[in-house]
Each structure stands twice: as structure tokens, then as C-alpha cells.
Amino acid sequence: LELMRMSVAREHRGRGLAQALCREVLAFARARGYGSVVLSTSMVQVAAQRLYEGQGFRKVGASYPSLLGTLLNFQILRYRCELGDGT
């Protein structure tokens, strides 16, 4: 399952909503038999990286989105969370 574009409005941040949303996505995927959840985020989204890593995601790769990204050393990071069998 791919998690795309998860966001919490600025005025609602800091209340644990992103953690709850992430847990819900993982529970949804697990309940439907998915083996893992994958996502991408940029290197400048440090808070997002901490959130995902805190939820069990592990960085599995990085790439440059374009030639300009390469020149600016701007990477897109790929993450994966293995769900296991739920036991």
C-alpha cells in the first residue's frame, strides 16, 4: 500500500493527529492483508521523517527528482514499513 500526501493543517499540528492518522493507515493496510506500506518524502521534511521512523518505517532508498535536484543535492527519500502477519 502506498501512503501519499498525508498532511495536517498547521493550526492542528502538535496534537498527535499525524501519529493517529499514520497508525490508522497501518491498521487499515494490516487488516486488508497488505505486507507493507511505502511512502516518499523530501529530505527537508525532517518532522515527517521523524514521524514515519517513529511509526516503524525504515528508509530504503533516496533519489534525485531531476537534474536540478541533483545539482542542488535535493533528495526524495523512500520509506517502507513491514507489517508482518499481525501476531
C-alpha atoms as a PDB file:
ATOM      1  CA  LEU A   1       0.000   0.000   0.000  1.00  0.00           C
ATOM      2  CA  GLU A   2       1.347   3.476  -0.779  1.00  0.00           C
ATOM      3  CA  LEU A   3       0.702   6.356   1.592  1.00  0.00           C
ATOM      4  CA  MET A   4       0.537   9.600  -0.369  1.00  0.00           C
ATOM      5  CA  ARG A   5       0.264  13.220   0.692  1.00  0.00           C
ATOM      6  CA  MET A   6      -0.581  12.941   4.359  1.00  0.00           C
ATOM      7  CA  SER A   7      -0.843  16.392   5.902  1.00  0.00           C
ATOM      8  CA  VAL A   8      -2.261  18.071   8.993  1.00  0.00           C
ATOM      9  CA  ALA A   9      -3.271  21.741   8.845  1.00  0.00           C
ATOM     10  CA  ARG A  10      -0.773  23.980  10.581  1.00  0.00           C
ATOM     11  CA  GLU A  11      -3.276  25.121  13.218  1.00  0.00           C
ATOM     12  CA  HIS A  12      -3.912  21.498  14.260  1.00  0.00           C
ATOM     13  CA  ARG A  13      -0.303  20.325  14.454  1.00  0.00           C
ATOM     14  CA  GLY A  14       1.302  19.238  17.712  1.00  0.00           C
ATOM     15  CA  ARG A  15      -1.771  17.345  18.915  1.00  0.00           C
ATOM     16  CA  GLY A  16      -0.769  13.870  17.798  1.00  0.00           C
ATOM     17  CA  LEU A  17      -3.098  13.854  14.781  1.00  0.00           C
ATOM     18  CA  ALA A  18      -0.399  12.829  12.309  1.00  0.00           C
ATOM     19  CA  GLN A  19       0.611   9.925  14.556  1.00  0.00           C
ATOM     20  CA  ALA A  20      -3.031   8.830  14.820  1.00  0.00           C
ATOM     21  CA  LEU A  21      -3.507   9.084  11.050  1.00  0.00           C
ATOM     22  CA  CYS A  22      -0.362   7.075  10.435  1.00  0.00           C
ATOM     23  CA  ARG A  23      -1.422   4.375  12.912  1.00  0.00           C
ATOM     24  CA  GLU A  24      -4.818   4.215  11.196  1.00  0.00           C
ATOM     25  CA  VAL A  25      -3.217   3.765   7.765  1.00  0.00           C
ATOM     26  CA  LEU A  26      -1.044   0.947   9.121  1.00  0.00           C
ATOM     27  CA  ALA A  27      -4.056  -0.725  10.777  1.00  0.00           C
ATOM     28  CA  PHE A  28      -6.091  -0.347   7.563  1.00  0.00           C
ATOM     29  CA  ALA A  29      -3.323  -1.941   5.493  1.00  0.00           C
ATOM     30  CA  ARG A  30      -2.718  -4.722   8.003  1.00  0.00           C
ATOM     31  CA  ALA A  31      -6.458  -5.564   8.217  1.00  0.00           C
ATOM     32  CA  ARG A  32      -6.613  -5.902   4.446  1.00  0.00           C
ATOM     33  CA  GLY A  33      -3.619  -8.200   4.208  1.00  0.00           C
ATOM     34  CA  TYR A  34      -1.007  -5.812   2.827  1.00  0.00           C
ATOM     35  CA  GLY A  35       2.547  -6.824   3.640  1.00  0.00           C
ATOM     36  CA  SER A  36       3.964  -3.326   3.821  1.00  0.00           C
ATOM     37  CA  VAL A  37       3.274   0.370   3.438  1.00  0.00           C
ATOM     38  CA  VAL A  38       5.591   2.556   1.364  1.00  0.00           C
ATOM     39  CA  LEU A  39       5.898   6.324   1.045  1.00  0.00           C
ATOM     40  CA  SER A  40       8.172   9.079  -0.183  1.00  0.00           C
ATOM     41  CA  THR A  41       9.081  12.382   1.415  1.00  0.00           C
ATOM     42  CA  SER A  42      11.687  15.027   0.754  1.00  0.00           C
ATOM     43  CA  MET A  43      14.895  15.489   2.657  1.00  0.00           C
ATOM     44  CA  VAL A  44      13.702  18.845   4.007  1.00  0.00           C
ATOM     45  CA  GLN A  45      10.646  17.294   5.701  1.00  0.00           C
ATOM     46  CA  VAL A  46      12.552  16.430   8.869  1.00  0.00           C
ATOM     47  CA  ALA A  47       9.451  16.322  11.094  1.00  0.00           C
ATOM     48  CA  ALA A  48       7.799  13.895   8.653  1.00  0.00           C
ATOM     49  CA  GLN A  49      10.900  11.686   8.678  1.00  0.00           C
ATOM     50  CA  ARG A  50      10.818  11.561  12.496  1.00  0.00           C
ATOM     51  CA  LEU A  51       7.107  10.760  12.442  1.00  0.00           C
ATOM     52  CA  TYR A  52       7.477   7.908   9.976  1.00  0.00           C
ATOM     53  CA  GLU A  53      10.553   6.453  11.663  1.00  0.00           C
ATOM     54  CA  GLY A  54       8.722   6.611  14.999  1.00  0.00           C
ATOM     55  CA  GLN A  55       5.881   4.586  13.460  1.00  0.00           C
ATOM     56  CA  GLY A  56       8.230   1.812  12.311  1.00  0.00           C
ATOM     57  CA  PHE A  57       9.101   2.973   8.797  1.00  0.00           C
ATOM     58  CA  ARG A  58      12.683   2.460   7.647  1.00  0.00           C
ATOM     59  CA  LYS A  59      14.491   4.409   4.952  1.00  0.00           C
ATOM     60  CA  VAL A  60      15.002   2.126   1.963  1.00  0.00           C
ATOM     61  CA  GLY A  61      16.363   4.498  -0.648  1.00  0.00           C
ATOM     62  CA  ALA A  62      16.870   8.002  -1.942  1.00  0.00           C
ATOM     63  CA  SER A  63      16.859   9.596  -5.367  1.00  0.00           C
ATOM     64  CA  TYR A  64      17.129  12.952  -7.047  1.00  0.00           C
ATOM     65  CA  PRO A  65      13.854  14.090  -8.647  1.00  0.00           C
ATOM     66  CA  SER A  66      15.533  15.935 -11.525  1.00  0.00           C
ATOM     67  CA  LEU A  67      18.797  17.298 -12.852  1.00  0.00           C
ATOM     68  CA  LEU A  68      18.182  20.456 -10.839  1.00  0.00           C
ATOM     69  CA  GLY A  69      17.589  18.288  -7.752  1.00  0.00           C
ATOM     70  CA  THR A  70      20.935  16.628  -8.393  1.00  0.00           C
ATOM     71  CA  LEU A  71      22.703  19.968  -8.736  1.00  0.00           C
ATOM     72  CA  LEU A  72      21.102  21.218  -5.510  1.00  0.00           C
ATOM     73  CA  ASN A  73      21.653  17.882  -3.723  1.00  0.00           C
ATOM     74  CA  PHE A  74      17.891  17.681  -3.067  1.00  0.00           C
ATOM     75  CA  GLN A  75      16.755  14.117  -2.460  1.00  0.00           C
ATOM     76  CA  ILE A  76      13.460  12.304  -2.267  1.00  0.00           C
ATOM     77  CA  LEU A  77      13.600   9.654   0.462  1.00  0.00           C
ATOM     78  CA  ARG A  78      11.731   6.348   0.197  1.00  0.00           C
ATOM     79  CA  TYR A  79      10.421   4.626   3.320  1.00  0.00           C
ATOM     80  CA  ARG A  80       8.863   1.240   3.952  1.00  0.00           C
ATOM     81  CA  CYS A  81       7.046  -0.252   6.940  1.00  0.00           C
ATOM     82  CA  GLU A  82       6.830  -4.041   7.012  1.00  0.00           C
ATOM     83  CA  LEU A  83       3.534  -5.114   8.545  1.00  0.00           C
ATOM     84  CA  GLY A  84       4.194  -8.774   9.228  1.00  0.00           C
ATOM     85  CA  ASP A  85       1.307 -11.104   9.903  1.00  0.00           C
ATOM     86  CA  GLY A  86      -0.139  -9.139  12.848  1.00  0.00           C
ATOM     87  CA  THR A  87       0.960 -11.646  15.516  1.00  0.00           C
END
